[in-house]
Protein backbone atom coordinates (compact mmCIF):
# COMPACT_ATOMS: atom_id res chain seq x y z
CA MET A 1 70.91 -8.75 101.20
CA GLU A 2 67.61 -9.79 101.49
CA ASN A 3 65.43 -9.49 97.94
CA ASN A 4 62.67 -7.86 99.33
CA ILE A 5 64.74 -5.37 99.91
CA LEU A 6 65.96 -5.56 96.78
CA GLN A 7 63.20 -4.78 94.73
CA GLU A 8 62.07 -2.41 97.57
CA ILE A 9 64.99 0.02 96.08
CA ARG A 10 64.19 -1.34 92.78
CA GLU A 11 60.67 -0.26 92.94
CA HIS A 12 61.43 3.26 94.10
CA PHE A 13 63.81 3.94 91.24
CA ASP A 14 61.32 2.22 88.87
CA GLY A 15 58.58 4.95 90.08
CA LEU A 16 60.64 7.83 88.65
CA ASP A 17 59.71 8.81 84.92
CA PHE A 18 62.81 11.27 84.83
CA ASP A 19 66.25 10.87 85.14
CA ILE A 20 67.15 11.81 89.08
CA LYS A 21 70.34 13.23 90.10
CA ALA A 22 71.65 10.76 91.76
CA GLU A 23 72.49 12.29 94.75
CA THR A 24 68.72 12.95 95.53
CA PHE A 25 68.33 9.47 94.76
CA ALA A 26 70.35 9.12 97.34
CA ALA A 27 69.62 10.95 100.25
CA GLY A 28 65.84 8.62 99.05
CA ILE A 29 67.46 5.78 100.51
CA LYS A 30 69.44 6.31 103.25
CA GLU A 31 67.68 3.85 105.84
CA PHE A 32 69.59 1.61 103.91
CA SER A 33 73.42 1.44 105.00
CA ASP A 34 74.23 -1.93 102.75
CA VAL A 35 75.07 0.86 99.89
CA SER A 36 77.56 0.91 97.53
CA TYR A 37 78.22 3.03 94.51
CA SER A 38 80.16 3.00 91.65
CA TYR A 39 81.03 5.12 88.85
CA SER A 40 81.22 2.18 86.36
CA ASP A 41 79.05 3.45 83.07
CA TYR A 42 80.40 6.68 82.15
CA PHE A 43 80.33 5.76 78.12
CA LYS A 44 76.59 4.78 78.19
CA ARG A 45 75.76 8.17 79.89
CA ARG A 46 74.27 9.55 76.40
CA TYR A 47 71.49 7.13 76.41
CA SER A 48 71.54 6.33 80.66
CA PRO A 49 70.23 7.90 83.32
CA ASP A 50 72.47 9.33 85.98
CA VAL A 51 71.72 6.16 88.23
CA SER A 52 72.38 2.86 85.17
CA GLY A 53 71.17 0.07 87.57
CA ILE A 54 70.74 -1.53 91.00
CA ARG A 55 72.56 -4.60 91.07
CA GLU A 56 73.65 -7.20 94.41
CA ASP A 57 77.51 -7.33 94.89
CA ASP A 58 79.21 -9.49 93.49
CA VAL A 59 81.66 -10.77 95.91
CA TYR A 60 79.26 -9.56 99.00
CA LYS A 61 75.50 -10.55 98.29
CA GLU A 62 74.52 -8.67 101.40
CA ASN A 63 75.28 -5.25 99.52
CA ILE A 64 73.46 -3.20 97.11
CA VAL A 65 75.91 -1.48 94.32
CA VAL A 66 74.27 1.78 92.73
CA HIS A 67 75.83 1.65 89.28
CA LEU A 68 76.08 5.37 88.37
CA SER A 69 76.94 6.68 84.49
CA ARG A 70 79.76 9.34 85.65
CA ARG A 71 82.87 9.74 85.59
CA GLY A 72 85.33 8.04 87.16
CA PHE A 73 89.57 8.97 88.05
CA TYR A 74 89.81 5.95 85.82
CA ASN A 75 88.31 8.20 82.64
CA ILE A 76 89.33 11.13 83.73
CA PHE A 77 93.29 10.22 83.86
CA PRO A 78 96.00 9.87 80.89
CA GLU A 79 95.98 6.42 79.60
CA ARG A 80 99.73 5.28 80.33
CA PHE A 81 98.80 6.07 84.04
CA PHE A 82 97.16 2.67 84.19
CA HIS A 83 98.19 0.71 81.01
CA LYS A 84 101.77 -0.73 79.77
CA THR A 85 102.73 0.71 76.38
CA VAL A 86 102.13 -2.18 73.89
CA GLY A 87 103.64 -1.91 70.14
CA SER A 88 101.95 -2.89 67.53
CA THR A 89 101.87 -6.45 66.50
CA GLY A 90 99.99 -8.62 63.70
CA PHE A 91 99.05 -11.61 65.50
CA VAL A 92 95.75 -12.17 67.00
CA ASN A 93 96.76 -14.00 70.00
CA ASP A 94 98.86 -10.88 70.61
CA MET A 95 96.11 -8.49 70.43
CA VAL A 96 94.06 -10.79 72.78
CA ASN A 97 95.77 -11.41 75.30
CA ALA A 98 96.79 -7.51 75.34
CA TYR A 99 93.22 -6.69 75.17
CA LYS A 100 92.59 -9.45 78.73
CA ASN A 101 95.68 -7.56 80.16
CA ARG A 102 93.95 -4.39 79.80
CA LYS A 103 90.49 -5.33 80.95
CA VAL A 104 92.53 -6.51 84.39
CA GLU A 105 94.53 -3.21 84.60
CA GLN A 106 91.25 -1.49 84.10
CA GLU A 107 89.53 -3.63 86.83
CA LYS A 108 91.97 -2.75 89.56
CA ALA A 109 92.66 0.77 88.44
CA GLN A 110 88.59 1.44 89.30
CA LYS A 111 88.50 -0.60 92.60
CA PHE A 112 91.62 1.17 93.57
CA PHE A 113 89.81 4.33 92.85
CA ASN A 114 86.21 3.81 94.02
CA PRO A 115 86.56 4.08 97.73
CA LEU A 116 88.01 7.32 96.98
CA GLU A 117 84.94 8.25 94.26
CA GLU A 118 82.64 6.81 97.28
CA GLU A 119 83.76 9.17 99.37
CA PHE A 120 83.32 12.00 97.10
CA PHE A 121 79.75 10.90 96.56
CA LEU A 122 78.68 10.54 99.85
CA HIS A 123 80.28 13.90 100.77
CA ARG A 124 77.72 16.00 97.61
CA VAL A 125 74.61 13.17 99.18
CA GLU A 126 75.62 14.87 102.60
CA VAL A 127 75.13 18.48 101.19
CA GLU A 128 71.71 17.04 99.80
CA ARG A 129 70.46 15.96 102.62
CA GLU A 130 71.34 19.22 104.72
CA GLU A 131 69.66 21.16 101.83
CA ASP A 132 66.26 18.89 102.69
CA ARG A 133 67.06 20.06 106.11
CA ILE A 134 66.85 24.07 105.01
CA PHE A 135 63.90 23.56 102.73
CA GLU A 136 61.96 21.66 105.37
CA SER A 137 62.88 24.02 107.86
CA LEU A 138 60.88 26.96 105.71
CA GLY A 139 58.25 25.98 107.08
CA ASN A 140 59.31 26.84 110.89
CA SER A 141 57.27 29.98 111.56
CA GLU A 142 60.06 31.70 112.49
CA LEU A 143 62.41 31.73 109.73
CA VAL A 144 58.73 32.19 107.78
CA TYR A 145 58.41 35.99 110.02
CA PHE A 146 62.36 36.73 108.73
CA LEU A 147 61.93 35.81 105.53
CA SER A 148 58.78 36.82 104.68
CA ASP A 149 60.22 40.31 105.82
CA LEU A 150 63.25 39.64 104.20
CA TRP A 151 61.38 39.29 100.75
CA GLU A 152 59.12 42.10 101.70
CA ILE A 153 56.43 39.39 101.29
CA ASN A 154 52.66 40.71 101.72
CA SER A 155 51.94 40.12 105.48
CA ASN A 156 48.44 39.45 104.83
CA ILE A 157 48.90 36.83 103.15
CA PRO A 158 48.82 33.67 105.38
CA HIS A 159 51.91 32.25 106.47
CA VAL A 160 51.57 28.37 105.64
CA MET A 161 50.97 29.84 101.83
CA ALA A 162 54.05 32.12 102.71
CA GLY A 163 55.63 29.01 103.58
CA LYS A 164 55.11 27.95 100.46
CA ILE A 165 56.46 30.86 98.23
CA LEU A 166 59.54 30.60 100.08
CA LYS A 167 60.42 27.14 99.29
CA ALA A 168 59.90 27.90 95.87
CA ILE A 169 62.47 30.79 95.64
CA PRO A 170 65.28 29.00 95.57
CA PHE A 171 63.65 28.00 92.28
CA MET A 172 62.42 31.33 90.20
CA HIS A 173 65.35 30.82 88.06
CA LYS A 174 63.60 27.73 86.38
CA ILE A 175 59.89 28.53 87.20
CA ALA A 176 60.04 32.26 86.20
CA GLY A 177 58.42 32.20 81.65
CA ASN A 178 57.32 28.50 82.30
CA LEU A 179 53.98 28.88 82.34
CA THR A 180 53.39 24.89 83.13
CA LEU A 181 55.77 25.47 86.36
CA ILE A 182 53.74 28.25 87.30
CA GLN A 183 50.53 26.84 86.83
CA GLN A 184 51.70 23.97 88.91
CA VAL A 185 53.48 25.82 91.80
CA LEU A 186 50.48 27.78 91.92
CA GLU A 187 48.05 25.15 92.20
CA THR A 188 50.09 23.58 95.10
CA ILE A 189 50.22 26.92 96.83
CA ILE A 190 46.83 28.40 96.46
CA GLU A 191 44.93 24.41 96.76
CA GLU A 192 42.80 25.28 94.26
CA SER A 193 42.77 24.46 90.22
CA LEU A 194 43.42 26.66 87.93
CA THR A 195 43.22 27.18 83.92
CA ILE A 196 45.93 29.98 81.55
CA THR A 197 44.14 31.31 78.54
CA LYS A 198 46.56 33.58 76.38
CA THR A 199 44.81 36.80 74.99
CA TYR A 200 46.64 39.82 73.64
CA THR A 201 46.01 43.62 74.90
CA THR A 202 44.20 46.18 73.17
CA ILE A 203 45.08 49.91 73.27
CA PRO A 204 41.53 52.10 73.84
CA ASN A 205 41.53 55.43 71.41
CA THR A 206 41.74 57.64 73.56
CA HIS A 207 42.79 60.45 71.71
CA GLU A 208 40.56 63.97 71.47
CA HIS A 209 39.68 65.77 68.37
CA ASN A 210 38.64 69.27 67.89
CA ASP A 211 37.30 69.21 64.41
CA THR A 212 33.78 68.69 63.76
CA LEU A 213 33.14 64.17 63.86
CA GLN A 214 31.41 62.37 61.52
CA LEU A 215 30.13 59.01 61.84
CA GLY A 216 31.76 57.10 59.37
CA VAL A 217 34.13 59.15 58.05
CA ASN A 218 36.79 60.74 61.03
CA LEU A 219 34.61 59.03 63.75
CA ALA A 220 33.94 55.39 64.87
CA THR A 221 31.24 54.25 67.81
CA ALA A 222 34.71 52.34 69.26
CA THR A 223 38.13 52.06 68.83
CA THR A 224 40.76 49.63 69.88
CA GLY A 225 44.28 49.23 68.58
CA ALA A 226 45.69 45.73 68.64
CA SER A 227 49.68 45.11 70.15
CA TYR A 228 51.63 41.80 70.87
CA LEU A 229 51.68 42.26 74.49
CA PRO A 230 50.31 38.79 75.43
CA LYS A 231 47.87 38.89 78.30
CA TYR A 232 46.96 35.76 80.69
CA THR A 233 44.20 35.47 82.16
CA PHE A 234 44.61 32.94 85.78
CA ASN A 235 41.15 31.09 86.16
CA ILE A 236 40.57 29.47 89.97
CA ASN A 237 38.12 27.12 88.25
CA ASN A 238 35.04 26.23 91.16
CA ILE A 239 36.34 27.48 94.11
CA LYS A 240 36.54 25.33 96.90
CA ASN A 241 35.41 27.78 99.53
CA PRO A 242 33.05 30.01 98.31
CA GLU A 243 31.82 30.89 102.13
CA LYS A 244 35.10 33.16 102.20
CA ILE A 245 34.85 34.56 98.88
CA HIS A 246 36.62 37.55 100.67
CA ASP A 247 39.91 35.76 100.25
CA TYR A 248 39.56 35.54 96.20
CA LEU A 249 39.08 39.01 95.70
CA PRO A 250 40.72 42.20 95.23
CA LYS A 251 43.33 43.00 97.99
CA GLY A 252 41.93 39.20 99.86
CA GLN A 253 44.29 36.77 100.74
CA ILE A 254 44.45 33.99 97.46
CA SER A 255 44.59 37.13 95.07
CA LEU A 256 47.26 38.49 97.17
CA VAL A 257 49.11 35.47 97.08
CA MET A 258 48.74 34.92 93.32
CA GLN A 259 49.76 38.43 92.59
CA TYR A 260 52.92 38.57 94.45
CA PHE A 261 53.65 35.03 92.94
CA LEU A 262 53.01 36.33 89.26
CA ASP A 263 54.95 39.38 89.57
CA HIS A 264 57.70 37.79 90.19
CA THR A 265 57.21 35.17 87.90
CA MET A 266 55.81 36.42 84.81
CA PRO A 267 57.57 38.11 81.71
CA PHE A 268 57.64 41.81 82.47
CA GLU A 269 56.22 42.67 79.11
CA SER A 270 53.07 40.71 79.74
CA ASP A 271 50.30 41.40 81.70
CA PHE A 272 47.88 39.10 83.87
CA GLU A 273 44.69 39.14 85.48
CA ILE A 274 43.00 37.43 88.05
CA ASP A 275 39.53 36.03 88.07
CA PHE A 276 37.40 33.21 89.36
CA THR A 277 34.50 30.93 88.95
CA LEU A 278 31.96 29.40 91.85
CA PRO A 279 31.06 26.24 91.55
CA GLN A 280 27.01 25.43 90.19
CA LYS A 281 25.57 24.88 92.92
CA LYS A 282 26.56 28.38 94.27
CA GLN A 283 25.67 30.42 91.73
CA ASN A 284 21.63 30.09 91.71
CA PHE A 285 20.21 33.49 92.89
CA THR A 286 18.24 33.15 95.57
CA LEU A 287 17.24 36.39 97.78
CA SER A 288 17.45 36.09 101.27
CA ASP A 289 18.28 38.16 104.80
CA ALA A 290 21.46 36.71 105.01
CA ILE A 291 24.56 38.35 103.56
CA PHE A 292 26.16 36.76 100.72
CA ALA A 293 23.48 34.61 99.96
CA GLY A 294 22.85 36.12 96.59
CA ARG A 295 25.97 38.11 94.88
CA LEU A 296 24.96 40.12 91.76
CA GLY A 297 28.03 40.38 89.00
CA ILE A 298 29.54 37.16 90.61
CA SER A 299 26.96 34.14 91.44
CA SER A 300 23.86 36.14 89.75
CA THR A 301 23.35 37.91 86.23
CA ILE A 302 20.27 39.78 85.04
């Protein structure tokens, strides 16, 4: 195997900062045909990633072996399937020879099962690739129309954003309730920068009194009741398209996208609101005959 190809695969693996699933990694290097997989490092799994190493084959130097820290058939079946039962002995030479024989038997058993293990693994890799093709097809316009109706996605939401939402739906069980993931996915969908602020919901006092009210005795100028229900404000920082500000207002496209996504990912007991800020240069109030040149309460204050 040429060193540059081996180096490319290693760089592809070393550039990851998380424990990638071996099937996903194998699907990502499918253009390299001379790659085999070995279940050889099961006992390292507690402190090793799923893909434990990438090395050249000891016999066929043109091949690359990806070592996986997974259980093979040798680790699953009882020992007596592969090893002879040897009585205890007090002689060191006998113990050393017994150990060497067991290592040879282990190596032969692992080599025997390796083609079958690799075949099962490659089958799961094909499943992974098929899932990738399905996710890629979610951008197809006809499928987006069909799935948008199925999931009751608002027809006013742009189909590009609807396609991104559909790609996130299979992972909703991981996204829901996780503010970090919610923020990352939303920023990808709307292509804007978000900040999330947490406060607590206040309950206004709307109780009506028929008795005589005395300020400071049984009357206050304003009362609100504090609650433990969280409220999250999703603020779009310095919107990228201030000329399309109507998209960020209620019933606008961006607002509808965020409303739909947050309805399906935020905890039921929490409340949320959507806000946005304009770029600094757009906040100057300018009197003009042009429409939206100055927006009181949005781009300007008195």
